[in-house]
Protein backbone atom coordinates (compact mmCIF):
# COMPACT_ATOMS: atom_id res chain seq x y z
CA MET A 1 98.27 48.92 111.77
CA LEU A 2 98.51 49.90 115.57
CA ASN A 3 101.95 48.30 115.53
CA MET A 4 103.12 49.69 112.24
CA PRO A 5 105.29 52.64 112.01
CA LYS A 6 103.57 55.69 111.31
CA PRO A 7 105.31 56.67 107.86
CA TRP A 8 103.94 53.13 106.45
CA ARG A 9 100.40 53.56 107.30
CA LEU A 10 99.54 55.85 104.40
CA PRO A 11 101.69 54.27 101.73
CA LEU A 12 100.57 50.62 102.48
CA LEU A 13 96.86 51.70 102.41
CA VAL A 14 97.42 53.61 99.08
CA LEU A 15 99.33 50.31 97.93
CA VAL A 16 96.51 47.95 99.05
CA LEU A 17 93.87 50.18 97.56
CA ALA A 18 95.61 50.40 94.05
CA TRP A 19 95.93 46.63 94.16
CA ALA A 20 92.24 46.35 94.82
CA LEU A 21 91.40 48.53 91.85
CA LEU A 22 93.67 46.52 89.86
CA ALA A 23 91.88 43.30 90.68
CA LEU A 24 88.62 44.95 89.90
CA LEU A 25 89.45 46.05 86.70
CA TYR A 26 91.15 42.81 85.46
CA HIS A 27 89.32 40.35 87.45
CA GLY A 28 88.76 38.35 84.41
CA THR A 29 92.52 37.75 83.73
CA ILE A 30 92.95 36.96 87.45
CA GLY A 31 90.25 34.59 87.46
CA ALA A 32 91.26 32.75 84.22
CA MET A 33 94.63 32.42 86.05
CA VAL A 34 93.38 30.73 89.19
CA SER A 35 91.41 28.71 87.11
CA ILE A 36 94.35 27.04 85.75
CA TRP A 37 95.98 26.58 89.04
CA ASP A 38 92.67 24.72 90.15
CA ARG A 39 92.35 22.47 87.03
CA SER A 40 95.84 21.87 85.99
CA GLU A 41 98.53 19.61 88.04
CA THR A 42 101.09 21.07 85.92
CA PHE A 43 100.59 24.48 87.75
CA ALA A 44 99.28 23.55 91.05
CA HIS A 45 102.40 24.82 92.67
CA ALA A 46 101.25 28.37 91.73
CA TRP A 47 98.58 28.10 94.83
CA VAL A 48 101.79 28.67 97.27
CA VAL A 49 103.53 31.45 95.26
CA PRO A 50 101.76 34.10 96.82
CA PRO A 51 101.88 33.13 100.28
CA ILE A 52 105.75 32.30 100.00
CA SER A 53 106.40 35.72 98.79
CA ALA A 54 104.20 37.22 101.59
CA TRP A 55 106.39 35.17 104.01
CA LEU A 56 109.88 36.33 102.15
CA VAL A 57 108.80 39.84 102.83
CA TRP A 58 107.83 39.14 106.36
CA ARG A 59 111.39 37.98 106.82
CA LEU A 60 112.86 41.59 106.04
CA ARG A 61 110.28 43.53 108.20
CA ALA A 62 112.87 44.43 110.50
CA GLY A 63 115.22 46.14 107.74
CA LEU A 64 112.05 47.52 106.13
CA ALA A 65 110.60 49.52 109.12
CA PRO A 66 112.99 52.00 109.51
CA LEU A 67 112.57 53.00 105.52
CA GLN A 68 110.69 55.99 104.55
CA PRO A 69 108.11 55.13 101.61
CA TRP A 70 108.54 57.64 98.69
CA PRO A 71 106.49 57.78 95.77
CA ALA A 72 108.88 57.16 92.96
CA LEU A 73 106.75 58.36 90.15
CA HIS A 74 109.00 57.70 87.19
CA TRP A 75 108.11 53.80 87.84
CA LEU A 76 104.42 54.33 86.77
CA TRP A 77 105.61 54.72 82.97
CA GLY A 78 106.26 51.23 83.00
CA LEU A 79 102.29 50.79 83.38
CA LEU A 80 102.13 52.14 79.80
CA PRO A 81 103.92 49.15 77.90
CA LEU A 82 102.41 46.74 80.67
CA GLY A 83 98.80 47.85 79.87
CA LEU A 84 99.47 47.73 76.17
CA LEU A 85 100.70 44.23 76.65
CA TRP A 86 97.52 43.48 78.15
CA LEU A 87 95.28 44.69 75.84
CA MET A 88 96.84 43.24 72.78
CA GLY A 89 96.89 39.79 74.65
CA GLU A 90 93.39 40.06 75.32
CA LEU A 91 92.71 41.12 71.80
CA ALA A 92 94.44 37.75 70.67
CA ALA A 93 93.14 35.79 73.29
CA ALA A 94 96.62 35.21 74.78
CA ASN A 95 96.36 33.89 78.35
CA ALA A 96 100.24 34.32 79.17
CA ALA A 97 100.33 37.59 77.70
CA THR A 98 97.57 39.14 79.85
CA GLN A 99 98.43 37.16 83.02
CA PHE A 100 102.10 38.47 82.81
CA ALA A 101 101.12 41.98 82.10
CA VAL A 102 98.80 42.10 85.22
CA MET A 103 101.27 40.40 87.30
CA GLY A 104 103.52 43.06 86.16
CA MET A 105 101.46 45.51 87.27
CA PHE A 106 100.84 44.37 90.74
CA VAL A 107 104.69 44.15 91.12
CA LEU A 108 105.41 47.64 89.45
CA LEU A 109 103.11 49.57 91.85
CA VAL A 110 105.32 48.35 94.77
CA PRO A 111 108.37 50.79 93.53
CA ALA A 112 105.79 53.66 92.23
CA LEU A 113 104.13 53.86 95.46
CA LEU A 114 106.57 52.77 97.92
CA GLY A 115 109.95 54.10 96.59
CA THR A 116 113.05 52.15 94.68
CA GLU A 117 114.43 51.48 98.06
CA VAL A 118 111.91 49.65 99.32
CA ALA A 119 111.35 47.52 96.19
CA ARG A 120 115.26 46.86 95.76
CA ARG A 121 115.34 45.31 99.38
CA ILE A 122 112.17 43.09 98.39
CA ALA A 123 113.28 42.55 94.72
CA PHE A 124 113.22 38.67 94.88
CA PRO A 125 110.05 38.26 96.78
CA LEU A 126 108.14 40.63 93.96
CA GLY A 127 109.85 38.56 91.36
CA PHE A 128 108.95 35.63 92.64
CA LEU A 129 105.13 36.46 91.98
CA PHE A 130 105.59 35.36 88.42
CA PHE A 131 105.97 31.61 89.08
CA ALA A 132 102.28 32.13 89.79
CA VAL A 133 101.83 32.60 85.86
CA PRO A 134 100.85 29.35 84.21
CA PHE A 135 103.55 29.65 81.62
CA GLY A 136 105.71 26.93 79.83
CA ASP A 137 102.82 24.73 78.19
CA PHE A 138 104.17 25.37 74.81
CA LEU A 139 107.42 23.54 75.89
CA THR A 140 105.24 20.22 76.05
CA PRO A 141 105.65 18.84 72.47
CA TRP A 142 109.03 19.78 72.50
CA LEU A 143 109.86 17.72 75.88
CA MET A 144 107.78 15.02 74.37
CA GLU A 145 110.02 14.59 71.38
CA ARG A 146 113.22 14.93 73.28
CA THR A 147 111.69 12.11 75.96
CA ALA A 148 111.06 9.70 73.23
CA ASP A 149 114.35 10.58 71.54
CA PHE A 150 116.14 9.72 74.83
CA THR A 151 114.42 6.75 75.33
CA VAL A 152 114.66 5.10 72.06
CA LEU A 153 118.53 6.11 72.11
CA ALA A 154 118.83 4.31 75.54
CA LEU A 155 117.02 1.30 74.49
CA ARG A 156 119.10 0.59 71.63
CA ALA A 157 122.05 1.30 73.41
CA THR A 158 121.08 -1.32 76.00
CA GLY A 159 120.74 -3.74 72.64
CA ILE A 160 117.05 -3.78 72.50
CA PRO A 161 115.57 -3.35 68.86
CA VAL A 162 113.12 -0.30 68.57
CA PHE A 163 110.80 0.53 65.76
CA ARG A 164 109.93 4.28 66.10
CA GLU A 165 107.20 6.28 64.27
CA GLY A 166 106.48 9.54 65.68
CA LEU A 167 105.65 9.78 69.76
CA GLU A 168 105.35 5.86 69.57
CA PHE A 169 107.28 2.92 69.47
CA VAL A 170 107.48 -0.79 69.77
CA ILE A 171 110.00 -3.06 71.36
CA PRO A 172 109.86 -6.97 71.27
CA SER A 173 107.84 -6.99 74.58
CA GLY A 174 105.04 -4.61 73.82
CA SER A 175 104.36 -0.92 72.55
CA TRP A 176 104.66 2.47 74.24
CA SER A 177 103.59 5.88 73.50
CA VAL A 178 105.05 9.26 75.11
CA VAL A 179 102.13 11.24 76.23
CA GLN A 180 101.73 14.72 77.84
CA ALA A 181 102.27 13.12 81.22
CA CYS A 182 105.54 11.91 80.15
CA SER A 183 106.78 15.31 79.07
CA GLY A 184 108.31 16.14 82.22
CA ILE A 185 106.86 19.53 82.20
CA ARG A 186 105.40 19.22 85.76
CA TYR A 187 108.62 18.31 87.11
CA LEU A 188 110.34 20.97 85.25
CA MET A 189 107.96 23.66 86.63
CA ALA A 190 108.06 22.55 90.06
CA SER A 191 111.69 21.98 90.29
CA VAL A 192 112.55 25.57 88.82
CA MET A 193 110.27 27.50 91.44
CA VAL A 194 111.66 25.45 94.10
CA GLY A 195 115.23 25.52 92.93
CA THR A 196 115.02 29.38 92.58
CA LEU A 197 113.70 29.64 96.10
CA PHE A 198 116.35 27.35 97.75
CA ALA A 199 119.15 29.43 95.73
CA TYR A 200 117.78 32.83 97.17
CA LEU A 201 117.71 31.37 100.75
CA ASN A 202 120.83 29.49 100.79
CA TYR A 203 123.26 31.86 98.79
CA ARG A 204 124.23 35.39 98.80
CA SER A 205 126.51 35.14 95.58
CA HIS A 206 124.60 35.80 92.47
CA THR A 207 127.01 33.25 90.67
CA ARG A 208 126.25 30.48 92.88
CA ARG A 209 122.48 31.38 92.69
CA TRP A 210 122.37 31.48 88.97
CA VAL A 211 124.23 28.43 88.84
CA PHE A 212 122.19 26.33 91.23
CA VAL A 213 118.87 27.74 89.05
CA GLY A 214 120.74 26.40 86.10
CA VAL A 215 120.94 22.84 87.54
CA ALA A 216 117.27 22.99 88.86
CA ILE A 217 116.46 23.53 85.18
CA VAL A 218 118.85 20.34 83.61
CA THR A 219 118.20 18.25 86.41
CA PRO A 220 114.30 17.29 86.13
CA LEU A 221 114.93 17.33 82.27
CA VAL A 222 117.35 14.56 82.60
CA ALA A 223 115.86 12.93 85.42
CA ASN A 224 112.57 12.74 83.23
CA TRP A 225 114.69 10.95 80.40
CA LEU A 226 115.98 8.38 82.88
CA ARG A 227 112.52 8.00 84.28
CA ALA A 228 110.91 7.15 81.09
CA TYR A 229 113.90 4.77 80.22
CA MET A 230 113.39 2.94 83.57
CA ILE A 231 109.79 2.37 83.44
CA VAL A 232 110.33 1.00 79.87
CA MET A 233 113.03 -1.30 80.90
CA LEU A 234 110.86 -2.27 84.12
CA GLY A 235 108.31 -3.14 81.77
CA HIS A 236 110.26 -5.28 79.33
CA LEU A 237 112.10 -7.10 82.05
CA SER A 238 109.31 -7.93 83.97
CA GLY A 239 106.98 -9.11 81.19
CA ASN A 240 104.78 -5.91 81.58
CA THR A 241 103.72 -6.53 85.04
CA LEU A 242 105.43 -3.58 86.30
CA ALA A 243 105.56 -0.16 85.81
CA VAL A 244 102.46 -0.35 83.60
CA GLY A 245 99.25 1.97 83.98
CA VAL A 246 99.37 4.24 87.05
CA ASP A 247 102.19 2.63 88.47
CA HIS A 248 104.47 4.04 86.05
CA LEU A 249 103.25 7.42 87.15
CA ILE A 250 103.70 6.60 91.05
CA TYR A 251 107.44 5.31 90.22
CA GLY A 252 108.22 8.68 88.22
CA TRP A 253 107.17 11.05 91.27
CA VAL A 254 109.26 8.51 93.55
CA PHE A 255 112.14 8.83 91.40
CA PHE A 256 111.60 12.46 90.96
CA GLY A 257 111.26 13.32 94.71
CA VAL A 258 114.74 11.13 95.27
CA ILE A 259 116.52 13.11 92.78
CA MET A 260 115.19 16.43 93.86
CA LEU A 261 116.31 15.67 97.52
CA ALA A 262 119.79 14.73 96.28
CA MET A 263 120.18 17.84 94.44
CA PHE A 264 119.12 20.24 97.52
CA MET A 265 121.38 17.83 99.82
CA ILE A 266 124.37 18.67 97.54
CA GLY A 267 123.55 22.37 96.79
CA ALA A 268 123.39 22.79 100.73
CA ARG A 269 126.95 21.90 101.14
CA TRP A 270 127.81 25.41 99.58
CA SER A 271 125.27 27.29 101.48
CA GLU A 272 126.27 30.71 102.78
CA PRO A 273 125.52 32.61 106.05
CA ASP A 274 122.93 35.53 105.79
CA ALA A 275 124.24 38.93 104.77
CA ALA A 276 124.01 41.58 107.64
CA PRO A 277 121.11 43.76 107.36
CA GLU A 278 121.59 46.87 105.45
CA PRO A 279 121.28 50.38 107.17
CA ALA A 280 118.23 52.42 106.61
CA PRO A 281 119.27 55.71 104.47
CA ALA A 282 118.68 58.92 105.94
CA VAL A 283 115.66 60.93 105.27
CA ALA A 284 116.57 64.24 103.29
CA PRO A 285 115.25 67.71 104.96
CA GLY A 286 111.82 68.65 103.58
CA VAL A 287 110.70 65.06 102.63
CA HIS A 288 107.87 64.95 104.85
CA ALA A 289 106.32 68.29 103.78
CA ALA A 290 106.61 67.59 100.00
CA LEU A 291 104.59 64.05 100.71
CA SER A 292 101.27 65.37 100.44
CA SER A 293 101.40 66.67 96.89
CA ARG A 294 103.47 63.47 95.53
CA TRP A 295 100.86 61.34 96.94
CA SER A 296 98.00 63.17 95.06
CA ALA A 297 100.18 62.86 91.67
CA ALA A 298 100.86 59.24 92.42
CA ILE A 299 97.16 58.34 92.98
CA ALA A 300 95.92 60.11 90.16
CA ALA A 301 98.37 58.78 87.71
CA THR A 302 97.87 55.43 88.72
CA VAL A 303 94.24 55.20 88.72
CA LEU A 304 94.45 56.86 84.80
CA LEU A 305 96.97 54.48 83.67
CA LEU A 306 95.18 51.19 85.32
CA VAL A 307 92.00 52.21 83.71
CA LEU A 308 93.17 53.14 80.24
CA PRO A 309 93.71 49.88 78.67
CA SER A 310 90.28 48.40 80.10
CA VAL A 311 88.62 51.14 77.94
CA LEU A 312 90.66 50.71 74.94
CA ARG A 313 89.39 47.00 75.43
CA MET A 314 85.90 47.90 75.63
CA HIS A 315 86.08 50.34 72.51
CA ALA A 316 87.61 47.73 70.36
CA ASP A 317 84.86 45.13 71.26
CA GLU A 318 82.33 47.60 70.31
CA ARG A 319 83.44 48.09 66.99
CA SER A 320 83.93 44.20 66.34
CA ALA A 321 81.54 41.96 64.65
CA HIS A 322 79.30 39.80 66.75
CA GLY A 323 76.90 36.79 66.27
CA GLU A 324 77.40 33.44 65.14
CA PRO A 325 79.08 33.31 61.68
CA GLU A 326 77.30 31.59 58.71
CA LEU A 327 79.73 29.34 56.74
CA VAL A 328 78.79 28.38 53.01
CA VAL A 329 80.39 25.78 51.00
CA PRO A 330 82.70 27.10 48.31
CA GLN A 331 81.56 26.20 45.03
CA LEU A 332 84.34 24.55 42.87
CA PRO A 333 84.22 23.90 39.16
CA GLY A 334 84.55 20.38 38.56
CA TRP A 335 84.07 19.32 41.83
CA ALA A 336 80.72 17.98 43.79
CA TRP A 337 80.80 18.81 48.04
CA ARG A 338 79.77 15.87 50.07
CA ALA A 339 78.94 16.44 53.73
CA GLU A 340 80.65 13.16 54.72
CA PRO A 341 84.23 13.68 55.94
CA LEU A 342 86.94 11.61 54.14
CA ALA A 343 87.90 9.72 56.73
CA SER A 344 87.24 8.93 60.72
CA TRP A 345 89.76 11.66 61.91
CA ARG A 346 88.30 14.77 63.39
CA PRO A 347 90.60 17.92 63.75
CA ALA A 348 91.25 18.85 67.44
CA PHE A 349 90.18 22.52 67.18
CA ALA A 350 87.69 23.16 69.95
CA ASN A 351 84.89 25.51 70.21
CA ALA A 352 84.85 26.95 66.77
CA ALA A 353 81.73 29.46 66.23
CA ALA A 354 81.24 27.58 63.09
CA THR A 355 82.53 24.71 61.28
CA LEU A 356 82.61 22.89 57.77
CA HIS A 357 83.73 19.39 57.31
CA GLY A 358 83.28 17.21 54.48
CA ARG A 359 84.75 16.33 50.92
CA TYR A 360 84.94 17.39 47.61
CA GLU A 361 84.66 14.51 44.80
CA PRO A 362 85.55 15.04 41.32
CA GLU A 363 82.76 15.10 38.97
CA ALA A 364 84.90 13.10 36.30
CA GLY A 365 85.87 10.61 38.77
CA GLY A 366 88.77 10.22 40.98
CA ASP A 367 90.27 10.26 44.62
CA ALA A 368 88.15 12.92 46.87
CA ILE A 369 90.00 15.75 49.02
CA GLY A 370 89.00 16.23 52.50
CA VAL A 371 88.48 19.82 53.87
CA TYR A 372 88.00 21.20 57.35
CA ILE A 373 87.01 24.42 57.96
CA GLY A 374 86.89 25.65 61.77
CA TYR A 375 85.88 29.63 61.76
CA TYR A 376 86.03 31.56 65.26
CA ARG A 377 84.75 34.99 66.28
CA ASP A 378 84.40 36.71 69.59
CA GLN A 379 87.56 34.92 70.83
CA ARG A 380 88.27 34.61 74.19
CA PRO A 381 90.03 31.89 76.44
CA GLY A 382 88.57 28.61 75.82
CA ARG A 383 87.30 29.74 72.32
CA GLN A 384 90.37 31.02 70.45
CA LEU A 385 91.77 29.78 67.09
CA VAL A 386 95.30 29.67 68.15
CA THR A 387 96.04 27.94 71.32
CA SER A 388 98.51 25.04 72.39
CA VAL A 389 95.49 22.76 72.78
CA ASN A 390 94.46 23.19 69.27
CA SER A 391 96.21 20.95 67.05
CA LEU A 392 95.62 18.19 64.10
CA VAL A 393 95.34 15.49 66.72
CA ASP A 394 94.67 15.40 70.57
CA VAL A 395 97.51 13.19 72.02
CA GLU A 396 95.62 12.93 75.24
CA THR A 397 92.19 11.86 73.97
CA ASP A 398 92.60 10.54 70.62
CA ARG A 399 93.55 6.88 70.69
CA ASP A 400 92.90 6.23 66.90
CA TRP A 401 95.10 8.85 65.13
CA SER A 402 98.57 10.25 65.83
CA ARG A 403 100.70 12.66 63.80
CA THR A 404 103.97 11.20 62.34
CA LEU A 405 105.37 13.92 60.40
CA SER A 406 105.30 17.81 60.88
CA THR A 407 106.95 20.27 58.19
CA LEU A 408 106.39 23.43 56.49
CA ALA A 409 105.91 23.77 52.34
CA VAL A 410 105.53 26.86 49.83
CA LEU A 411 103.17 26.39 47.24
CA ASP A 412 102.20 28.69 44.30
CA THR A 413 98.64 29.38 44.12
CA ASP A 414 95.97 31.28 42.13
CA ALA A 415 96.69 34.22 44.71
CA GLY A 416 100.39 34.10 44.88
CA ARG A 417 103.22 31.92 46.71
CA LEU A 418 101.94 30.78 50.28
CA GLY A 419 103.63 28.88 53.18
CA TRP A 420 101.44 25.95 54.52
CA ARG A 421 102.08 23.49 57.44
CA VAL A 422 102.23 20.03 56.37
CA GLY A 423 101.39 17.09 58.42
CA GLU A 424 101.25 13.51 58.18
CA LEU A 425 98.71 11.46 60.34
CA ARG A 426 98.32 7.38 61.03
CA GLY A 427 95.35 5.72 62.01
CA GLN A 428 95.10 2.79 64.33
CA ALA A 429 97.63 2.43 67.36
CA LEU A 430 101.08 1.21 66.28
CA SER A 431 100.86 -1.70 68.34
CA GLN A 432 97.95 -2.72 66.40
CA VAL A 433 99.93 -2.14 63.09
CA SER A 434 102.85 -4.18 64.53
CA GLY A 435 100.86 -6.76 65.65
CA GLY A 436 99.66 -8.15 62.62
CA GLY A 437 96.44 -5.75 61.86
CA SER A 438 95.47 -4.35 58.65
CA LEU A 439 97.31 -1.50 57.26
CA ALA A 440 96.76 1.55 59.10
CA PRO A 441 95.18 4.05 57.10
CA ARG A 442 97.44 7.33 56.60
CA LEU A 443 96.40 11.16 55.62
CA ARG A 444 98.30 13.90 54.51
CA VAL A 445 97.17 17.23 55.72
CA TRP A 446 97.94 20.87 54.54
CA GLN A 447 97.20 23.54 57.07
CA ILE A 448 96.68 27.44 57.20
CA TYR A 449 95.43 29.85 59.34
CA TRP A 450 93.17 32.61 57.66
CA ILE A 451 93.19 35.84 60.03
CA ASN A 452 90.74 38.54 59.21
CA GLY A 453 91.70 38.28 55.65
CA ARG A 454 95.52 37.24 55.55
CA PRO A 455 97.23 33.65 55.50
CA PHE A 456 99.80 32.72 58.15
CA THR A 457 101.42 29.54 59.46
CA SER A 458 103.05 31.23 62.46
CA ASP A 459 101.06 31.24 65.66
CA TRP A 460 102.89 34.19 67.10
CA GLN A 461 102.51 36.15 63.82
CA ALA A 462 98.51 35.13 63.73
CA LYS A 463 98.20 36.38 67.22
CA LEU A 464 99.68 39.61 66.75
CA TYR A 465 98.03 40.10 63.26
CA GLY A 466 94.43 39.26 64.90
CA ALA A 467 95.09 41.52 67.83
CA TRP A 468 96.23 44.44 65.85
CA ARG A 469 93.45 44.25 63.37
CA LYS A 470 90.75 44.00 66.69
CA LEU A 471 92.47 47.26 68.06
CA GLN A 472 91.76 48.94 64.64
CA GLY A 473 88.28 47.72 65.00
CA GLN A 474 88.05 45.39 62.40
CA GLY A 475 86.98 42.15 64.51
CA ASP A 476 88.72 39.13 65.45
CA ASP A 477 87.34 36.82 62.73
CA ALA A 478 89.60 33.98 61.99
CA ALA A 479 89.85 30.45 60.70
CA VAL A 480 91.62 27.33 60.05
CA LEU A 481 91.69 25.61 56.94
CA LEU A 482 92.72 21.93 56.64
CA VAL A 483 92.78 20.08 53.40
CA TYR A 484 93.80 16.90 53.37
CA ALA A 485 93.80 13.17 51.37
CA GLU A 486 94.72 9.74 52.04
CA LYS A 487 98.20 9.07 51.75
CA ASP A 488 99.75 6.84 48.82
CA GLY A 489 102.99 5.00 49.29
CA ALA A 490 104.17 6.51 46.05
CA GLY A 491 102.99 10.32 46.84
CA PRO A 492 100.33 11.09 44.35
CA ASP A 493 98.09 12.40 47.15
CA GLU A 494 100.94 15.26 47.35
CA MET A 495 100.49 16.09 44.16
CA ARG A 496 96.75 15.71 44.51
CA LEU A 497 96.86 18.27 47.13
CA ARG A 498 99.08 20.64 45.41
CA ALA A 499 96.84 20.86 42.56
CA PHE A 500 94.03 21.43 44.43
CA LEU A 501 95.05 24.01 46.53
CA SER A 502 97.03 25.92 43.57
CA ALA A 503 93.74 26.14 41.94
CA HIS A 504 91.14 27.24 44.59
CA TRP A 505 92.89 28.86 47.14
CA ARG A 506 91.50 32.02 45.95
CA THR A 507 88.14 30.89 46.24
CA PHE A 508 88.59 29.62 49.79
CA ASP A 509 89.79 32.91 50.61
CA THR A 510 86.91 34.78 49.12
CA ALA A 511 84.53 32.60 50.99
CA LEU A 512 85.87 33.23 54.39
CA SER A 513 86.33 36.97 53.66
CA GLY A 514 82.29 36.87 52.83
CA VAL A 515 81.58 35.29 56.20
CA ARG A 516 83.47 37.93 57.84
CA ASP A 517 81.77 40.90 55.65
CA ARG A 518 78.23 39.61 56.22
CA GLY A 519 78.85 39.59 59.88
CA ALA A 520 80.33 43.18 59.84
CA ALA A 521 77.30 44.28 57.87
CA ARG A 522 74.99 43.14 60.49
CA GLN A 523 76.42 45.50 62.86
CA PRO A 524 74.62 48.63 63.52
């Protein structure tokens, strides 16, 4: 502080105190973000984002020192939509929304308390902070599909016959499976962050910067596809002695490192010299005299706008239902409930407050229908219904089942027309089936979300509706309903499921509403 220009001492102190208040009020969101950095290799690079951002600001200190920090109160209006985004994200247990909102608040406080000119000169270091938000996991399934598409296409172009089903494929020398580590999401996240930093430090032209950022997005995608193809080819040509097990991950990182190094070496050929420092604008007469009242207004408005979302969040929590939900088996005429599941498959919906998994058998005889209900209440990170890790099959840990098809269907039920997700699952690894094993069991699964009394198939619509209902004090009760049958080659399983759901959806809906209403009735 002793060497700091005098006009900067009070503004920086106020900014640091505002950041401290923000961290105190939203410590849960910040803690969740840091825990993801710690446990996820995909987002481990986020640890270096705040230090890099601070270093980038330090590089500009000579040009910042002559400036007069001046509160720009109109920027504080931006805290309102950010606070609303955080609130809706909290109510919907959507980590990305809450973390982007809090990071946006950190950034927005800079122009609000130090002025627009200061923020303009450090705009990139401020924007770079958003790379600290763990975002992009939703791309993983799409990236896995594209990796499998390219690998199979390249193998066939090489003359190698391939049989593919879902994310698994078999070639004459063995079987392969595209798992999460093969998606390339780690390469993509690291490349975009480092590529953006490289473009900022080496180019002055916005056109060159955006072109290089585009290259930093496309390069890891193509590199990952080539990596997957090369690993399969190494395994195929070596009789599965090379590029198997942990080796293929090591080869992948080495290949990615070489590609990134080549990208930066080529990009450096078009680097531009640093721009001349901008002169400091003149301070208008009377500015210093007006600072006192302006700081008072800035501090009061900042405290109010930062506190308001957390107060609304506590209010919504107080009006919601709490406690463990009590699931009761819906009674269907002509069907008898058995507590044993129809197959060995277990849905990958984690940490439900209550579950029901079994099968209905027709009293008149015939094929059974499997039913799974996962009910969620008091949702929070790690215990929410709609999330990227909740799915029919966990591709990372489930070695017995894999999904081979995913589509949408519309069904006329006893309560009207409803959209459903339809998936097909295959038991056993593809290698076991192709290797002469018994015919793999297959299931057809119909899925729907029940969010506080309304059905949904869309993740984001379910999230938004759940958040809106909780904001209204209606609680966050939600459930996933999975109805499934053993798949037959001719497709009668499809007709059985359609007939079953058409006749009994209203009963399931009523049963779920009863669970919610009993929970609400217990509240004081």
